[in-house]
Every structure is written in C-alpha cells, then in structure tokens.
Amino acid sequence: MASSRHGPAFLYVLRMSGAEDLLKVGLTADPVARWSGFHRRWFEAFDLERTLLVETETRGDAQRLETALHRTLKAYGCPVPLTMRAFAGGATEWYRGASAAAREFVVRCEADGFTVHMDARPHVAGRLGAQRHVVASVLDQAVRNDRDGVLTPEEIEAVRDLADAHRAFGFDLSDMLPADALAILRLHG
C-alpha cells in the first residue's frame, strides 16, 4: 500500500460497540492497522457494521474531509473513552451523540462522488483476507518461538488477538498450522 503521506486514504467514522453513541473520526491509509492501535480487541470494541468509510484518491482529500467533519461535529466533542489506548493519539477526535450528523456528512460525500462504505465489515474482511499470508507467518514464528522457549505471555496474548480478529470475520485458521501448533498457541476451538 502507498505510504501514509501519499496515495489513497480513508476518512473513517469509527463507532464504539455498545448502547452509547460514541464515535472516533480520523483518517488513515490502512483502517485495520489504525483501529488495532486504539484497542487490542478492536474487532469487538468497535461496531464495524455501523462504522463508515470514505475512500479518497489522496491523503489531502481525506484531510479536507476530516477537517470539515470535525467542524461539523465540534459541539459533540467528548473525552477519549478510558478503554482506548492513550498512546494511539486522536484525543480530540471523539464525539458523543453525533452518529446522525456524521452519517449525513458521509452521505453528502457519496453524492460528491467519493466511494463510501456505510458498513465497514466487508471492506475490513477483504483486507484481512488479503493478509492471510502475514497471519500464517506470525503464527509459524510464534510456534517456533514457543519451541525455543522465548515466547512471552504478552506475545501469546497478541497472537491470540490477531487470530481472534480473523476468526471474527469468518476466517478459519486450521489450514494455516497443524493442530498441535494451534494447541501450543492455545488457538484451538
């Protein structure tokens, strides 16, 4: 994919899971990589069926849209939820009760000719499917590290989160590693 400074980008309206209407607005070249920075279980923490994506041809286009949306939603600003990783940034880009206004903005983007995803799950599933070779490599390396006695509990947790993210989108991992390797990583079932 193009670097983060040039090439295609996305404006995203990331909806938190749960009853409260909480949104994170931002831009990125890679939504999956960005969202996983906010929460280790991003695929559960966010309601991806109600998350909106606007594809742009350039990062500059995404920045212009992001700035306009932030201005539109200014009155809805709220603090970062405590469950989010503080180091991920974007502390001023959270909004409460703004879903309808954000959705109207995105609909206008579509009318202006941008490609819009009103449900981010299919896009994310496609990205994850394209990264299966990376997952297979990570799983294989984790098994080798375990056999060498250097796999830490934190690494096991990260590998399980990665595997669970793929499972959440319907990807079967059993064809990537033998059953004993999946058991070593506690990824069976």
C-alpha atoms as a PDB file:
ATOM      1  CA  MET A   1       0.000   0.000   0.000  1.00  0.00           C
ATOM      2  CA  ALA A   2       1.117   3.574  -0.522  1.00  0.00           C
ATOM      3  CA  SER A   3       2.896   5.391   2.254  1.00  0.00           C
ATOM      4  CA  SER A   4       0.885   7.231   4.864  1.00  0.00           C
ATOM      5  CA  ARG A   5       1.794  10.601   3.297  1.00  0.00           C
ATOM      6  CA  HIS A   6       0.849   9.923  -0.335  1.00  0.00           C
ATOM      7  CA  GLY A   7      -1.721   7.937  -2.235  1.00  0.00           C
ATOM      8  CA  PRO A   8      -5.215   6.783  -1.343  1.00  0.00           C
ATOM      9  CA  ALA A   9      -6.605   7.300   2.131  1.00  0.00           C
ATOM     10  CA  PHE A  10      -9.799   6.908   4.119  1.00  0.00           C
ATOM     11  CA  LEU A  11     -11.844   9.220   6.258  1.00  0.00           C
ATOM     12  CA  TYR A  12     -13.349   6.995   8.931  1.00  0.00           C
ATOM     13  CA  VAL A  13     -16.197   7.381  11.401  1.00  0.00           C
ATOM     14  CA  LEU A  14     -15.455   4.578  13.839  1.00  0.00           C
ATOM     15  CA  ARG A  15     -18.416   3.638  16.038  1.00  0.00           C
ATOM     16  CA  MET A  16     -17.862   2.147  19.502  1.00  0.00           C
ATOM     17  CA  SER A  17     -19.737  -1.038  20.365  1.00  0.00           C
ATOM     18  CA  GLY A  18     -22.457  -0.740  22.948  1.00  0.00           C
ATOM     19  CA  ALA A  19     -25.531   1.352  23.586  1.00  0.00           C
ATOM     20  CA  GLU A  20     -23.822   4.728  23.861  1.00  0.00           C
ATOM     21  CA  ASP A  21     -23.348   6.714  20.645  1.00  0.00           C
ATOM     22  CA  LEU A  22     -19.558   7.249  20.697  1.00  0.00           C
ATOM     23  CA  LEU A  23     -17.528   7.939  17.551  1.00  0.00           C
ATOM     24  CA  LYS A  24     -13.892   8.388  16.644  1.00  0.00           C
ATOM     25  CA  VAL A  25     -13.259  10.394  13.469  1.00  0.00           C
ATOM     26  CA  GLY A  26      -9.936  10.250  11.672  1.00  0.00           C
ATOM     27  CA  LEU A  27      -8.036   9.417   8.530  1.00  0.00           C
ATOM     28  CA  THR A  28      -5.689   6.633   7.591  1.00  0.00           C
ATOM     29  CA  ALA A  29      -4.254   4.732   4.659  1.00  0.00           C
ATOM     30  CA  ASP A  30      -4.953   1.434   6.476  1.00  0.00           C
ATOM     31  CA  PRO A  31      -8.066   1.286   8.695  1.00  0.00           C
ATOM     32  CA  VAL A  32      -7.253  -2.130  10.188  1.00  0.00           C
ATOM     33  CA  ALA A  33      -3.771  -1.063  11.280  1.00  0.00           C
ATOM     34  CA  ARG A  34      -5.064   2.234  12.676  1.00  0.00           C
ATOM     35  CA  TRP A  35      -8.011   0.778  14.563  1.00  0.00           C
ATOM     36  CA  SER A  36      -5.938  -2.007  16.102  1.00  0.00           C
ATOM     37  CA  GLY A  37      -3.815   0.755  17.637  1.00  0.00           C
ATOM     38  CA  PHE A  38      -6.791   2.034  19.629  1.00  0.00           C
ATOM     39  CA  HIS A  39      -7.739  -1.239  21.290  1.00  0.00           C
ATOM     40  CA  ARG A  40      -6.159  -4.696  21.294  1.00  0.00           C
ATOM     41  CA  ARG A  41      -9.602  -6.260  20.727  1.00  0.00           C
ATOM     42  CA  TRP A  42     -10.620  -3.623  18.142  1.00  0.00           C
ATOM     43  CA  PHE A  43     -12.863  -6.078  16.300  1.00  0.00           C
ATOM     44  CA  GLU A  44     -15.046  -6.306  19.436  1.00  0.00           C
ATOM     45  CA  ALA A  45     -14.576  -2.783  20.817  1.00  0.00           C
ATOM     46  CA  PHE A  46     -15.927  -1.171  17.644  1.00  0.00           C
ATOM     47  CA  ASP A  47     -19.246  -1.698  15.881  1.00  0.00           C
ATOM     48  CA  LEU A  48     -17.881  -2.155  12.380  1.00  0.00           C
ATOM     49  CA  GLU A  49     -21.336  -2.655  10.846  1.00  0.00           C
ATOM     50  CA  ARG A  50     -22.124   0.941  11.810  1.00  0.00           C
ATOM     51  CA  THR A  51     -18.629   2.283  11.086  1.00  0.00           C
ATOM     52  CA  LEU A  52     -18.395   4.480   7.993  1.00  0.00           C
ATOM     53  CA  LEU A  53     -15.521   4.755   5.498  1.00  0.00           C
ATOM     54  CA  VAL A  54     -14.989   7.317   2.757  1.00  0.00           C
ATOM     55  CA  GLU A  55     -12.314   6.376   0.213  1.00  0.00           C
ATOM     56  CA  THR A  56     -10.277   9.225  -1.244  1.00  0.00           C
ATOM     57  CA  GLU A  57      -7.685   9.299  -4.003  1.00  0.00           C
ATOM     58  CA  THR A  58      -5.249  11.342  -1.929  1.00  0.00           C
ATOM     59  CA  ARG A  59      -4.418  11.930   1.697  1.00  0.00           C
ATOM     60  CA  GLY A  60      -5.064  15.633   1.080  1.00  0.00           C
ATOM     61  CA  ASP A  61      -8.668  14.855   0.098  1.00  0.00           C
ATOM     62  CA  ALA A  62      -9.095  12.787   3.265  1.00  0.00           C
ATOM     63  CA  GLN A  63      -7.612  15.610   5.366  1.00  0.00           C
ATOM     64  CA  ARG A  64     -10.016  18.144   3.878  1.00  0.00           C
ATOM     65  CA  LEU A  65     -12.987  15.887   4.558  1.00  0.00           C
ATOM     66  CA  GLU A  66     -11.760  15.125   8.073  1.00  0.00           C
ATOM     67  CA  THR A  67     -11.358  18.829   8.886  1.00  0.00           C
ATOM     68  CA  ALA A  68     -14.847  19.587   7.562  1.00  0.00           C
ATOM     69  CA  LEU A  69     -16.361  16.731   9.567  1.00  0.00           C
ATOM     70  CA  HIS A  70     -14.572  17.804  12.762  1.00  0.00           C
ATOM     71  CA  ARG A  71     -16.034  21.284  12.299  1.00  0.00           C
ATOM     72  CA  THR A  72     -19.492  19.813  11.735  1.00  0.00           C
ATOM     73  CA  LEU A  73     -19.249  17.693  14.903  1.00  0.00           C
ATOM     74  CA  LYS A  74     -17.483  20.206  17.176  1.00  0.00           C
ATOM     75  CA  ALA A  75     -20.460  20.596  19.515  1.00  0.00           C
ATOM     76  CA  TYR A  76     -20.481  16.816  20.116  1.00  0.00           C
ATOM     77  CA  GLY A  77     -16.864  16.564  21.332  1.00  0.00           C
ATOM     78  CA  CYS A  78     -16.160  14.286  24.289  1.00  0.00           C
ATOM     79  CA  PRO A  79     -13.175  12.772  26.096  1.00  0.00           C
ATOM     80  CA  VAL A  80     -11.452   9.620  24.886  1.00  0.00           C
ATOM     81  CA  PRO A  81     -13.096   6.518  26.385  1.00  0.00           C
ATOM     82  CA  LEU A  82     -10.975   5.051  29.175  1.00  0.00           C
ATOM     83  CA  THR A  83     -10.838   1.694  27.376  1.00  0.00           C
ATOM     84  CA  MET A  84      -8.814   3.178  24.499  1.00  0.00           C
ATOM     85  CA  ARG A  85      -5.029   3.116  24.403  1.00  0.00           C
ATOM     86  CA  ALA A  86      -3.767   6.589  25.282  1.00  0.00           C
ATOM     87  CA  PHE A  87      -0.673   6.297  23.067  1.00  0.00           C
ATOM     88  CA  ALA A  88      -2.796   5.801  19.925  1.00  0.00           C
ATOM     89  CA  GLY A  89      -3.472   9.536  19.643  1.00  0.00           C
ATOM     90  CA  GLY A  90      -6.544  11.330  18.396  1.00  0.00           C
ATOM     91  CA  ALA A  91      -7.620  12.592  21.822  1.00  0.00           C
ATOM     92  CA  THR A  92      -9.657  15.477  20.384  1.00  0.00           C
ATOM     93  CA  GLU A  93     -11.421  13.406  17.736  1.00  0.00           C
ATOM     94  CA  TRP A  94     -14.075  11.657  19.835  1.00  0.00           C
ATOM     95  CA  TYR A  95     -17.754  12.534  19.708  1.00  0.00           C
ATOM     96  CA  ARG A  96     -20.867  11.587  21.678  1.00  0.00           C
ATOM     97  CA  GLY A  97     -24.358  11.584  20.152  1.00  0.00           C
ATOM     98  CA  ALA A  98     -23.095  12.534  16.685  1.00  0.00           C
ATOM     99  CA  SER A  99     -23.929   9.482  14.583  1.00  0.00           C
ATOM    100  CA  ALA A 100     -26.797  11.081  12.658  1.00  0.00           C
ATOM    101  CA  ALA A 101     -24.769  14.199  11.801  1.00  0.00           C
ATOM    102  CA  ALA A 102     -21.742  12.107  10.801  1.00  0.00           C
ATOM    103  CA  ARG A 103     -23.892   9.853   8.637  1.00  0.00           C
ATOM    104  CA  GLU A 104     -25.404  12.871   6.842  1.00  0.00           C
ATOM    105  CA  PHE A 105     -21.885  14.149   6.154  1.00  0.00           C
ATOM    106  CA  VAL A 106     -20.816  10.804   4.692  1.00  0.00           C
ATOM    107  CA  VAL A 107     -23.951  10.618   2.529  1.00  0.00           C
ATOM    108  CA  ARG A 108     -23.002  14.045   1.114  1.00  0.00           C
ATOM    109  CA  CYS A 109     -19.503  12.693   0.398  1.00  0.00           C
ATOM    110  CA  GLU A 110     -21.083   9.892  -1.624  1.00  0.00           C
ATOM    111  CA  ALA A 111     -23.200  12.417  -3.516  1.00  0.00           C
ATOM    112  CA  ASP A 112     -19.964  14.304  -4.275  1.00  0.00           C
ATOM    113  CA  GLY A 113     -18.552  11.190  -5.963  1.00  0.00           C
ATOM    114  CA  PHE A 114     -16.495   9.564  -3.202  1.00  0.00           C
ATOM    115  CA  THR A 115     -16.683   5.812  -2.691  1.00  0.00           C
ATOM    116  CA  VAL A 116     -18.439   5.241   0.625  1.00  0.00           C
ATOM    117  CA  HIS A 117     -18.785   2.145   2.797  1.00  0.00           C
ATOM    118  CA  MET A 118     -21.772   2.511   5.131  1.00  0.00           C
ATOM    119  CA  ASP A 119     -20.783  -0.814   6.743  1.00  0.00           C
ATOM    120  CA  ALA A 120     -17.029  -1.225   7.205  1.00  0.00           C
ATOM    121  CA  ARG A 121     -17.149  -5.000   7.830  1.00  0.00           C
ATOM    122  CA  PRO A 122     -16.967  -6.121   4.172  1.00  0.00           C
ATOM    123  CA  HIS A 123     -14.028  -3.802   3.490  1.00  0.00           C
ATOM    124  CA  VAL A 124     -12.212  -4.976   6.633  1.00  0.00           C
ATOM    125  CA  ALA A 125     -12.910  -8.626   5.814  1.00  0.00           C
ATOM    126  CA  GLY A 126     -11.357  -8.123   2.387  1.00  0.00           C
ATOM    127  CA  ARG A 127      -8.239  -6.539   3.908  1.00  0.00           C
ATOM    128  CA  LEU A 128      -7.878  -9.318   6.464  1.00  0.00           C
ATOM    129  CA  GLY A 129      -8.334 -11.965   3.783  1.00  0.00           C
ATOM    130  CA  ALA A 130      -5.567 -10.347   1.748  1.00  0.00           C
ATOM    131  CA  GLN A 131      -3.275 -10.550   4.795  1.00  0.00           C
ATOM    132  CA  ARG A 132      -3.655 -14.274   5.462  1.00  0.00           C
ATOM    133  CA  HIS A 133      -0.052 -14.910   4.424  1.00  0.00           C
ATOM    134  CA  VAL A 134       1.086 -12.465   7.122  1.00  0.00           C
ATOM    135  CA  VAL A 135      -1.029 -14.219   9.743  1.00  0.00           C
ATOM    136  CA  ALA A 136       0.377 -17.591   8.721  1.00  0.00           C
ATOM    137  CA  SER A 137       3.905 -16.216   9.073  1.00  0.00           C
ATOM    138  CA  VAL A 138       3.182 -14.718  12.512  1.00  0.00           C
ATOM    139  CA  LEU A 139       1.613 -17.956  13.736  1.00  0.00           C
ATOM    140  CA  ASP A 140       4.517 -20.021  12.428  1.00  0.00           C
ATOM    141  CA  GLN A 141       7.056 -17.706  14.102  1.00  0.00           C
ATOM    142  CA  ALA A 142       5.139 -17.832  17.380  1.00  0.00           C
ATOM    143  CA  VAL A 143       5.220 -21.647  17.345  1.00  0.00           C
ATOM    144  CA  ARG A 144       8.982 -21.596  16.694  1.00  0.00           C
ATOM    145  CA  ASN A 145       9.487 -19.059  19.496  1.00  0.00           C
ATOM    146  CA  ASP A 146       7.447 -21.247  21.858  1.00  0.00           C
ATOM    147  CA  ARG A 147       9.506 -24.317  20.982  1.00  0.00           C
ATOM    148  CA  ASP A 148      12.669 -22.242  21.624  1.00  0.00           C
ATOM    149  CA  GLY A 149      11.275 -21.138  24.990  1.00  0.00           C
ATOM    150  CA  VAL A 150      11.229 -17.426  24.121  1.00  0.00           C
ATOM    151  CA  LEU A 151       7.504 -16.804  23.560  1.00  0.00           C
ATOM    152  CA  THR A 152       6.272 -14.433  26.279  1.00  0.00           C
ATOM    153  CA  PRO A 153       2.758 -14.329  27.745  1.00  0.00           C
ATOM    154  CA  GLU A 154       2.293 -10.895  26.132  1.00  0.00           C
ATOM    155  CA  GLU A 155       3.213 -12.320  22.727  1.00  0.00           C
ATOM    156  CA  ILE A 156       0.796 -15.211  23.189  1.00  0.00           C
ATOM    157  CA  GLU A 157      -1.923 -12.670  24.005  1.00  0.00           C
ATOM    158  CA  ALA A 158      -1.089 -10.634  20.883  1.00  0.00           C
ATOM    159  CA  VAL A 159      -1.129 -13.747  18.685  1.00  0.00           C
ATOM    160  CA  ARG A 160      -4.473 -14.785  20.136  1.00  0.00           C
ATOM    161  CA  ASP A 161      -5.894 -11.308  19.480  1.00  0.00           C
ATOM    162  CA  LEU A 162      -4.674 -11.483  15.872  1.00  0.00           C
ATOM    163  CA  ALA A 163      -6.197 -14.928  15.439  1.00  0.00           C
ATOM    164  CA  ASP A 164      -9.464 -13.884  17.079  1.00  0.00           C
ATOM    165  CA  ALA A 165      -9.705 -10.850  14.784  1.00  0.00           C
ATOM    166  CA  HIS A 166      -9.509 -13.140  11.759  1.00  0.00           C
ATOM    167  CA  ARG A 167     -11.989 -15.579  13.282  1.00  0.00           C
ATOM    168  CA  ALA A 168     -14.406 -12.690  13.947  1.00  0.00           C
ATOM    169  CA  PHE A 169     -14.525 -12.191  10.183  1.00  0.00           C
ATOM    170  CA  GLY A 170     -15.078 -15.873   9.451  1.00  0.00           C
ATOM    171  CA  PHE A 171     -11.538 -16.937   8.597  1.00  0.00           C
ATOM    172  CA  ASP A 172     -10.575 -20.462   9.585  1.00  0.00           C
ATOM    173  CA  LEU A 173      -7.032 -20.802  10.929  1.00  0.00           C
ATOM    174  CA  SER A 174      -6.954 -24.585  10.998  1.00  0.00           C
ATOM    175  CA  ASP A 175      -5.499 -24.704   7.489  1.00  0.00           C
ATOM    176  CA  MET A 176      -2.561 -22.487   8.483  1.00  0.00           C
ATOM    177  CA  LEU A 177      -0.974 -24.678  11.133  1.00  0.00           C
ATOM    178  CA  PRO A 178      -1.223 -28.280  12.270  1.00  0.00           C
ATOM    179  CA  ALA A 179      -3.485 -28.961  15.258  1.00  0.00           C
ATOM    180  CA  ASP A 180      -0.548 -29.394  17.644  1.00  0.00           C
ATOM    181  CA  ALA A 181       0.802 -25.965  16.690  1.00  0.00           C
ATOM    182  CA  LEU A 182      -2.611 -24.372  17.196  1.00  0.00           C
ATOM    183  CA  ALA A 183      -2.757 -26.084  20.620  1.00  0.00           C
ATOM    184  CA  ILE A 184       0.672 -24.686  21.539  1.00  0.00           C
ATOM    185  CA  LEU A 185      -0.646 -21.197  20.872  1.00  0.00           C
ATOM    186  CA  ARG A 186      -3.922 -22.038  22.634  1.00  0.00           C
ATOM    187  CA  LEU A 187      -5.822 -21.277  19.425  1.00  0.00           C
ATOM    188  CA  HIS A 188      -7.875 -24.457  19.241  1.00  0.00           C
ATOM    189  CA  GLY A 189     -11.632 -24.221  19.178  1.00  0.00           C
END
